[in-house]
Amino acid sequence: MQTIAFARGVPAPEMLPIEDLRVASQRAFEQDPVKLLSYGTGAGWDPLRARLAAQHEVDVARVVVTTGSLEGFALLAQVIARRAAAEGRIARVIVEQPTYDRPLLILRRLGIEVVPVPLDPDGIDVAAFAEACAAGADLAYLIPTFQNPSGATLDVTRRAAVIDVAKRSGVLLLEDDPYGVLHFDEPAPQGLFAGRGDAPVAFSGSFSKTIAPGVRVGWLVLPQDLALEVATLANDTYISASFLGQATVDAYLEAGAFQGNVDRARSMLAERCSLIVDAFARHLPEATFTAPRGGYFIWVRMPDGLDATDVLSRATGLGVSFVAGSSFGADCGDYARLAFSSPPVDQIDEGVARLAAACESRAAVR
């Protein structure tokens, strides 16, 4: 039985701009092959850094291009942990609950204290966020737009309030925004970083969801001293990233291909989202969720209080995969994250039908 995979948030094969990337990689080789194949610095491919700096209207010294945004987060977390250790304390990082599981793993591996703040469909609880910031933190890591795993988007009023909290507390706020341009209908609200030069806000971006995950290109926009430390740590760890992916992305952006591919991806993702929402209405109406307005994921509460990990064990045997909510934070055991981005369109309904069968089986056992 072929597995219908809702587990990983990756673009479907037909979303990948294969021909445009082939042309871009060839152009990158033609422009500067020696530099492309040589060591560089931990800060990344200079032309792409300059392009991103112009996009964000910041000095290029604030931009670090990394091997995917997760590597950038890992480097930043190490710097934060080192700074705290030099002061004789343990670093504290505020996160949404639920939040992306990989940063949680990184923070815990580094011994950083994780401070979870509740999240609802309109974003982070501002009062609880303010309380957490007032208690002191080295960083607040937020995914305010089409959040992973919940799909939630921080509303306009709360965005202003979160910025105000960051200003008053001085806690550096890292906006992770891999999905922001992938809206289905109305564009997302303005990002936390955009136009907020007077607030302690940093930015993390990725081309994994909008171009291709295999190019492995992400970036950070940080305060200049922090950017230098992150770039130095990158240089000390691996000298420099592979410049082939970074230069290919730069050539791809220079060719003007990005927006067209984003528009195409938005249309495909919107279709898939509509299909999975309809499939839940047919096969598992007892499950509850808020239909996302963009991005890759739907966050579903299992019916009748079923434990999603138990359901997953049965679902695997029925040929469907997802990620149980316990991976994304405490008190999420009855939730499941399903990525509707990658399964073939004609398999989405069947995948949810199999999930429903797994829920029925678990309910019968209980």
Protein backbone atom coordinates (compact mmCIF):
# COMPACT_ATOMS: atom_id res chain seq x y z
CA MET A 1 0.00 0.00 0.00
CA GLN A 2 1.38 3.39 -0.99
CA THR A 3 1.67 5.81 1.91
CA ILE A 4 -0.16 9.12 1.55
CA ALA A 5 2.25 11.49 3.28
CA PHE A 6 0.90 14.44 5.24
CA ALA A 7 3.94 14.46 7.52
CA ARG A 8 6.48 16.78 5.91
CA GLY A 9 5.88 20.35 4.78
CA VAL A 10 7.45 20.20 1.34
CA PRO A 11 6.21 21.53 -2.00
CA ALA A 12 4.69 19.05 -4.40
CA PRO A 13 6.95 18.14 -7.34
CA GLU A 14 4.83 20.20 -9.72
CA MET A 15 5.45 23.30 -7.61
CA LEU A 16 9.21 23.18 -8.18
CA PRO A 17 10.48 25.62 -10.85
CA ILE A 18 12.85 23.03 -12.28
CA GLU A 19 13.61 24.61 -15.64
CA ASP A 20 14.03 28.12 -14.23
CA LEU A 21 16.44 26.81 -11.60
CA ARG A 22 18.42 24.88 -14.21
CA VAL A 23 18.86 28.07 -16.21
CA ALA A 24 19.70 30.05 -13.07
CA SER A 25 22.38 27.59 -11.98
CA GLN A 26 23.98 27.76 -15.42
CA ARG A 27 23.93 31.57 -15.29
CA ALA A 28 25.51 31.47 -11.83
CA PHE A 29 28.38 29.37 -13.18
CA GLU A 30 28.88 31.67 -16.11
CA GLN A 31 28.99 34.84 -14.00
CA ASP A 32 31.79 33.90 -11.58
CA PRO A 33 32.74 30.19 -11.64
CA VAL A 34 35.97 30.53 -9.65
CA LYS A 35 34.35 32.41 -6.77
CA LEU A 36 31.39 30.04 -6.88
CA LEU A 37 33.66 27.02 -6.38
CA SER A 38 35.91 28.56 -3.73
CA TYR A 39 35.73 29.11 0.01
CA GLY A 40 34.00 32.26 1.13
CA THR A 41 32.84 33.60 4.48
CA GLY A 42 30.27 32.38 6.95
CA ALA A 43 28.07 35.35 6.10
CA GLY A 44 27.10 33.85 2.74
CA TRP A 45 27.16 34.71 -0.98
CA ASP A 46 27.75 38.44 -1.15
CA PRO A 47 25.49 39.26 -4.14
CA LEU A 48 22.55 37.51 -2.49
CA ARG A 49 23.29 39.23 0.82
CA ALA A 50 23.22 42.58 -0.96
CA ARG A 51 19.95 41.73 -2.69
CA LEU A 52 18.29 40.71 0.59
CA ALA A 53 19.66 43.77 2.38
CA ALA A 54 18.09 45.99 -0.29
CA GLN A 55 14.80 44.11 0.02
CA HIS A 56 14.71 44.65 3.78
CA GLU A 57 16.18 48.17 3.57
CA VAL A 58 19.02 47.38 5.97
CA ASP A 59 22.81 47.49 5.90
CA VAL A 60 24.29 44.36 4.31
CA ALA A 61 26.30 43.73 7.49
CA ARG A 62 23.04 42.71 9.17
CA VAL A 63 22.32 39.88 6.69
CA VAL A 64 23.63 36.33 7.09
CA VAL A 65 22.72 33.75 4.43
CA THR A 66 22.60 30.20 5.76
CA THR A 67 21.97 26.63 4.66
CA GLY A 68 18.25 26.84 5.18
CA SER A 69 16.65 28.99 7.87
CA LEU A 70 16.88 26.22 10.45
CA GLU A 71 20.67 26.32 10.34
CA GLY A 72 20.47 30.06 10.90
CA PHE A 73 18.28 29.48 13.94
CA ALA A 74 20.69 26.85 15.28
CA LEU A 75 23.64 29.24 14.94
CA LEU A 76 21.70 32.07 16.57
CA ALA A 77 20.63 29.82 19.45
CA GLN A 78 24.27 28.82 20.05
CA VAL A 79 25.33 32.47 20.19
CA ILE A 80 22.54 33.27 22.63
CA ALA A 81 23.46 30.30 24.82
CA ARG A 82 27.13 31.38 24.82
CA ARG A 83 26.29 34.95 25.73
CA ALA A 84 24.14 33.81 28.64
CA ALA A 85 26.77 31.33 29.84
CA ALA A 86 29.38 34.12 29.85
CA GLU A 87 27.09 35.93 32.30
CA GLY A 88 26.75 32.82 34.46
CA ARG A 89 23.13 32.05 33.60
CA ILE A 90 20.95 29.89 31.36
CA ALA A 91 19.46 31.50 28.26
CA ARG A 92 15.66 31.83 28.03
CA VAL A 93 13.71 31.81 24.76
CA ILE A 94 9.99 32.55 24.47
CA VAL A 95 8.06 30.48 21.92
CA GLU A 96 4.47 30.06 20.85
CA GLN A 97 2.67 26.93 22.00
CA PRO A 98 2.42 25.05 19.75
CA THR A 99 5.46 25.89 17.64
CA TYR A 100 7.72 24.37 14.99
CA ASP A 101 9.25 21.24 16.48
CA ARG A 102 12.80 21.59 15.11
CA PRO A 103 13.63 24.83 16.96
CA LEU A 104 12.30 23.21 20.13
CA LEU A 105 14.72 20.33 19.65
CA ILE A 106 17.62 22.75 19.07
CA LEU A 107 16.82 24.85 22.13
CA ARG A 108 16.50 21.83 24.39
CA ARG A 109 19.70 20.27 23.07
CA LEU A 110 21.56 23.46 23.95
CA GLY A 111 20.08 23.50 27.46
CA ILE A 112 18.16 26.72 26.82
CA GLU A 113 15.06 27.31 28.92
CA VAL A 114 11.97 27.28 26.70
CA VAL A 115 9.12 29.58 27.78
CA PRO A 116 5.89 28.60 25.99
CA VAL A 117 3.12 31.17 25.49
CA PRO A 118 -0.39 30.08 24.40
CA LEU A 119 -1.54 30.54 20.83
CA ASP A 120 -5.05 30.73 19.37
CA PRO A 121 -6.29 31.21 15.77
CA ASP A 122 -5.56 34.96 16.02
CA GLY A 123 -1.99 34.42 17.18
CA ILE A 124 -0.06 34.61 20.42
CA ASP A 125 -1.75 35.60 23.69
CA VAL A 126 -0.42 39.14 24.08
CA ALA A 127 -0.97 39.41 27.85
CA ALA A 128 0.89 36.14 28.44
CA PHE A 129 3.60 37.24 26.02
CA ALA A 130 4.05 40.52 27.89
CA GLU A 131 4.29 38.64 31.18
CA ALA A 132 6.94 36.30 29.76
CA CYS A 133 8.96 39.23 28.40
CA ALA A 134 8.72 41.09 31.70
CA ALA A 135 10.25 38.07 33.43
CA GLY A 136 13.25 38.39 31.14
CA ALA A 137 14.27 36.53 27.99
CA ASP A 138 17.11 36.48 25.48
CA LEU A 139 14.86 35.95 22.47
CA ALA A 140 11.22 35.58 21.48
CA TYR A 141 10.81 33.21 18.53
CA LEU A 142 7.50 33.75 16.71
CA ILE A 143 5.99 32.51 13.44
CA PRO A 144 3.25 35.14 13.12
CA THR A 145 1.98 34.32 9.63
CA PHE A 146 0.41 30.96 8.62
CA GLN A 147 2.16 29.44 11.59
CA ASN A 148 3.75 26.00 11.72
CA PRO A 149 2.01 23.86 12.93
CA SER A 150 -1.25 25.68 13.65
CA GLY A 151 -1.73 27.74 10.49
CA ALA A 152 -2.66 30.69 12.74
CA THR A 153 -1.98 34.28 11.70
CA LEU A 154 -1.36 37.02 14.24
CA ASP A 155 -4.03 39.66 13.66
CA VAL A 156 -3.24 43.32 13.04
CA THR A 157 -4.16 44.53 16.52
CA ARG A 158 -2.06 41.89 18.21
CA ARG A 159 0.86 42.61 15.88
CA ALA A 160 0.97 46.19 17.08
CA ALA A 161 0.70 45.02 20.68
CA VAL A 162 3.51 42.48 20.28
CA ILE A 163 5.77 45.15 18.80
CA ASP A 164 4.94 47.45 21.70
CA VAL A 165 5.82 44.69 24.20
CA ALA A 166 9.15 44.11 22.44
CA LYS A 167 9.93 47.83 22.59
CA ARG A 168 9.09 48.15 26.28
CA SER A 169 10.83 44.95 27.39
CA GLY A 170 13.85 45.11 25.09
CA VAL A 171 13.47 41.40 24.30
CA LEU A 172 14.72 40.65 20.77
CA LEU A 173 11.86 39.29 18.70
CA LEU A 174 12.75 36.91 15.85
CA GLU A 175 10.06 36.80 13.17
CA ASP A 176 10.29 33.51 11.27
CA ASP A 177 8.43 34.01 7.98
CA PRO A 178 8.79 31.19 5.46
CA TYR A 179 5.11 31.23 4.47
CA GLY A 180 4.03 34.88 4.52
CA VAL A 181 3.71 35.36 0.75
CA LEU A 182 1.77 32.09 0.33
CA HIS A 183 -1.68 33.49 1.07
CA PHE A 184 -4.78 32.02 -0.56
CA ASP A 185 -7.07 35.05 -0.73
CA GLU A 186 -6.24 38.29 1.06
CA PRO A 187 -2.55 39.07 1.60
CA ALA A 188 -1.25 38.61 5.12
CA PRO A 189 -0.84 41.65 7.40
CA GLN A 190 2.46 43.52 7.28
CA GLY A 191 5.23 41.53 8.93
CA LEU A 192 6.59 42.32 12.36
CA PHE A 193 10.01 43.25 10.96
CA ALA A 194 8.87 45.44 8.07
CA GLY A 195 9.14 49.13 8.84
CA ARG A 196 9.96 48.54 12.51
CA GLY A 197 13.48 49.95 12.63
CA ASP A 198 12.92 51.38 16.12
CA ALA A 199 11.91 48.03 17.66
CA PRO A 200 14.12 45.07 18.62
CA VAL A 201 12.89 42.83 15.80
CA ALA A 202 14.98 40.42 13.73
CA PHE A 203 13.92 38.36 10.72
CA SER A 204 14.36 34.80 9.51
CA GLY A 205 13.48 33.87 5.93
CA SER A 206 13.69 30.81 3.72
CA PHE A 207 13.36 29.94 0.05
CA SER A 208 12.52 26.29 0.87
CA LYS A 209 8.75 26.84 0.61
CA THR A 210 8.72 29.41 -2.19
CA ILE A 211 11.44 28.10 -4.53
CA ALA A 212 12.70 24.65 -3.51
CA PRO A 213 13.90 23.00 -0.28
CA GLY A 214 16.85 21.39 -2.06
CA VAL A 215 18.54 24.72 -2.75
CA ARG A 216 18.99 24.96 1.06
CA VAL A 217 18.97 28.74 1.28
CA GLY A 218 17.70 30.75 4.21
CA TRP A 219 18.74 34.04 5.78
CA LEU A 220 18.75 36.09 8.95
CA VAL A 221 18.50 39.85 9.40
CA LEU A 222 19.93 40.64 12.84
CA PRO A 223 21.36 43.52 14.84
CA GLN A 224 24.83 44.04 13.42
CA ASP A 225 26.78 42.77 16.42
CA LEU A 226 24.68 39.60 16.56
CA ALA A 227 25.00 39.07 12.81
CA LEU A 228 28.78 39.25 13.12
CA GLU A 229 28.79 36.65 15.91
CA VAL A 230 26.53 34.31 13.93
CA ALA A 231 28.66 34.69 10.78
CA THR A 232 31.84 34.08 12.80
CA LEU A 233 30.36 30.95 14.35
CA ALA A 234 29.35 29.74 10.89
CA ASN A 235 32.88 30.35 9.63
CA ASP A 236 34.35 28.52 12.63
CA THR A 237 31.96 25.60 12.10
CA TYR A 238 32.13 24.98 8.35
CA ILE A 239 34.18 27.88 6.86
CA SER A 240 31.46 28.76 4.36
CA ALA A 241 28.25 27.33 3.01
CA SER A 242 27.95 25.80 -0.43
CA PHE A 243 27.70 28.82 -2.68
CA LEU A 244 26.14 26.93 -5.58
CA GLY A 245 22.66 26.98 -4.05
CA GLN A 246 22.97 30.58 -2.88
CA ALA A 247 24.28 31.84 -6.22
CA THR A 248 21.59 29.91 -8.08
CA VAL A 249 18.90 31.54 -5.95
CA ASP A 250 20.44 34.95 -6.58
CA ALA A 251 20.44 34.37 -10.36
CA TYR A 252 16.86 33.08 -10.14
CA LEU A 253 15.75 36.23 -8.31
CA GLU A 254 17.67 38.45 -10.74
CA ALA A 255 15.80 36.84 -13.63
CA GLY A 256 12.48 37.92 -12.12
CA ALA A 257 11.09 34.40 -11.84
CA PHE A 258 10.22 34.47 -8.15
CA GLN A 259 6.81 36.15 -8.10
CA GLY A 260 5.41 34.03 -10.90
CA ASN A 261 6.38 30.86 -9.08
CA VAL A 262 4.90 32.16 -5.82
CA ASP A 263 1.61 32.89 -7.58
CA ARG A 264 1.60 29.39 -9.06
CA ALA A 265 2.36 27.82 -5.67
CA ARG A 266 -0.39 29.85 -4.00
CA SER A 267 -2.95 28.54 -6.46
CA MET A 268 -1.85 24.93 -5.97
CA LEU A 269 -1.76 25.23 -2.18
CA ALA A 270 -5.19 26.87 -2.07
CA GLU A 271 -6.65 24.00 -4.10
CA ARG A 272 -5.09 21.42 -1.80
CA CYS A 273 -6.26 23.24 1.31
CA SER A 274 -9.82 23.35 0.00
CA LEU A 275 -9.66 19.63 -0.77
CA ILE A 276 -8.46 18.64 2.68
CA VAL A 277 -11.04 20.84 4.43
CA ASP A 278 -13.79 19.23 2.34
CA ALA A 279 -12.37 15.77 3.05
CA PHE A 280 -12.55 16.33 6.80
CA ALA A 281 -16.16 17.47 6.45
CA ARG A 282 -16.97 14.20 4.67
CA HIS A 283 -14.91 11.64 6.53
CA LEU A 284 -14.13 13.05 9.98
CA PRO A 285 -16.64 15.79 10.82
CA GLU A 286 -16.07 15.27 14.55
CA ALA A 287 -12.52 16.63 14.21
CA THR A 288 -12.12 20.37 14.79
CA PHE A 289 -9.82 22.89 13.13
CA THR A 290 -9.57 26.42 11.81
CA ALA A 291 -9.16 26.44 8.05
CA PRO A 292 -5.82 28.12 7.25
CA ARG A 293 -5.70 31.18 5.01
CA GLY A 294 -2.27 30.36 3.63
CA GLY A 295 0.81 28.25 4.10
CA TYR A 296 1.31 24.48 4.17
CA PHE A 297 -0.44 23.07 7.24
CA ILE A 298 -3.74 22.29 8.89
CA TRP A 299 -3.84 21.73 12.67
CA VAL A 300 -6.57 19.27 13.60
CA ARG A 301 -7.91 18.24 16.97
CA MET A 302 -8.73 14.56 17.06
CA PRO A 303 -12.35 13.65 17.84
CA ASP A 304 -13.40 12.38 21.27
CA GLY A 305 -10.11 13.34 22.91
CA LEU A 306 -8.15 10.66 21.04
CA ASP A 307 -4.39 10.73 21.51
CA ALA A 308 -2.83 11.59 18.16
CA THR A 309 0.24 9.43 18.80
CA ASP A 310 -2.01 6.41 19.28
CA VAL A 311 -3.95 7.30 16.16
CA LEU A 312 -0.68 7.67 14.23
CA SER A 313 0.42 4.13 15.11
CA ARG A 314 -2.78 2.79 13.55
CA ALA A 315 -2.73 5.25 10.65
CA THR A 316 0.77 4.15 9.64
CA GLY A 317 -0.52 0.65 9.09
CA LEU A 318 -3.34 2.04 6.98
CA GLY A 319 -0.89 3.91 4.74
CA VAL A 320 -1.19 7.51 5.88
CA SER A 321 1.30 9.66 7.80
CA PHE A 322 1.12 12.91 9.78
CA VAL A 323 2.89 14.42 12.79
CA ALA A 324 1.37 14.03 16.24
CA GLY A 325 0.81 17.25 18.15
CA SER A 326 3.01 16.26 21.10
CA SER A 327 6.04 17.08 18.93
CA PHE A 328 5.05 20.76 18.93
CA GLY A 329 4.53 21.40 22.62
CA ALA A 330 2.87 20.29 25.84
CA ASP A 331 -0.90 19.87 26.01
CA CYS A 332 -1.09 19.18 22.27
CA GLY A 333 -1.44 15.40 22.48
CA ASP A 334 -4.87 15.29 20.85
CA TYR A 335 -3.79 17.39 17.87
CA ALA A 336 -2.29 16.37 14.53
CA ARG A 337 -0.44 18.47 11.97
CA LEU A 338 -1.16 17.58 8.37
CA ALA A 339 0.83 19.12 5.53
CA PHE A 340 -1.48 19.36 2.53
CA SER A 341 1.29 20.78 0.33
CA SER A 342 2.82 17.62 -1.09
CA PRO A 343 0.31 14.76 -1.55
CA PRO A 344 -1.07 14.43 -5.08
CA VAL A 345 -4.41 16.16 -5.44
CA ASP A 346 -6.18 12.89 -6.17
CA GLN A 347 -4.89 11.29 -2.94
CA ILE A 348 -5.95 13.91 -0.39
CA ASP A 349 -9.51 12.66 0.08
CA GLU A 350 -8.33 9.06 0.40
CA GLY A 351 -5.68 10.11 2.91
CA VAL A 352 -8.25 11.72 5.20
CA ALA A 353 -10.53 8.69 4.79
CA ARG A 354 -7.69 6.49 6.03
CA LEU A 355 -7.10 8.84 8.95
CA ALA A 356 -10.80 8.61 9.83
CA ALA A 357 -10.55 4.83 9.78
CA ALA A 358 -7.58 5.02 12.14
CA CYS A 359 -9.57 7.26 14.52
CA GLU A 360 -12.53 4.87 14.45
CA SER A 361 -10.24 1.94 15.19
CA ARG A 362 -8.64 3.71 18.15
CA ALA A 363 -12.00 4.81 19.50
CA ALA A 364 -13.25 1.22 19.34
CA VAL A 365 -10.17 -0.06 21.19
CA ARG A 366 -10.57 2.56 23.92
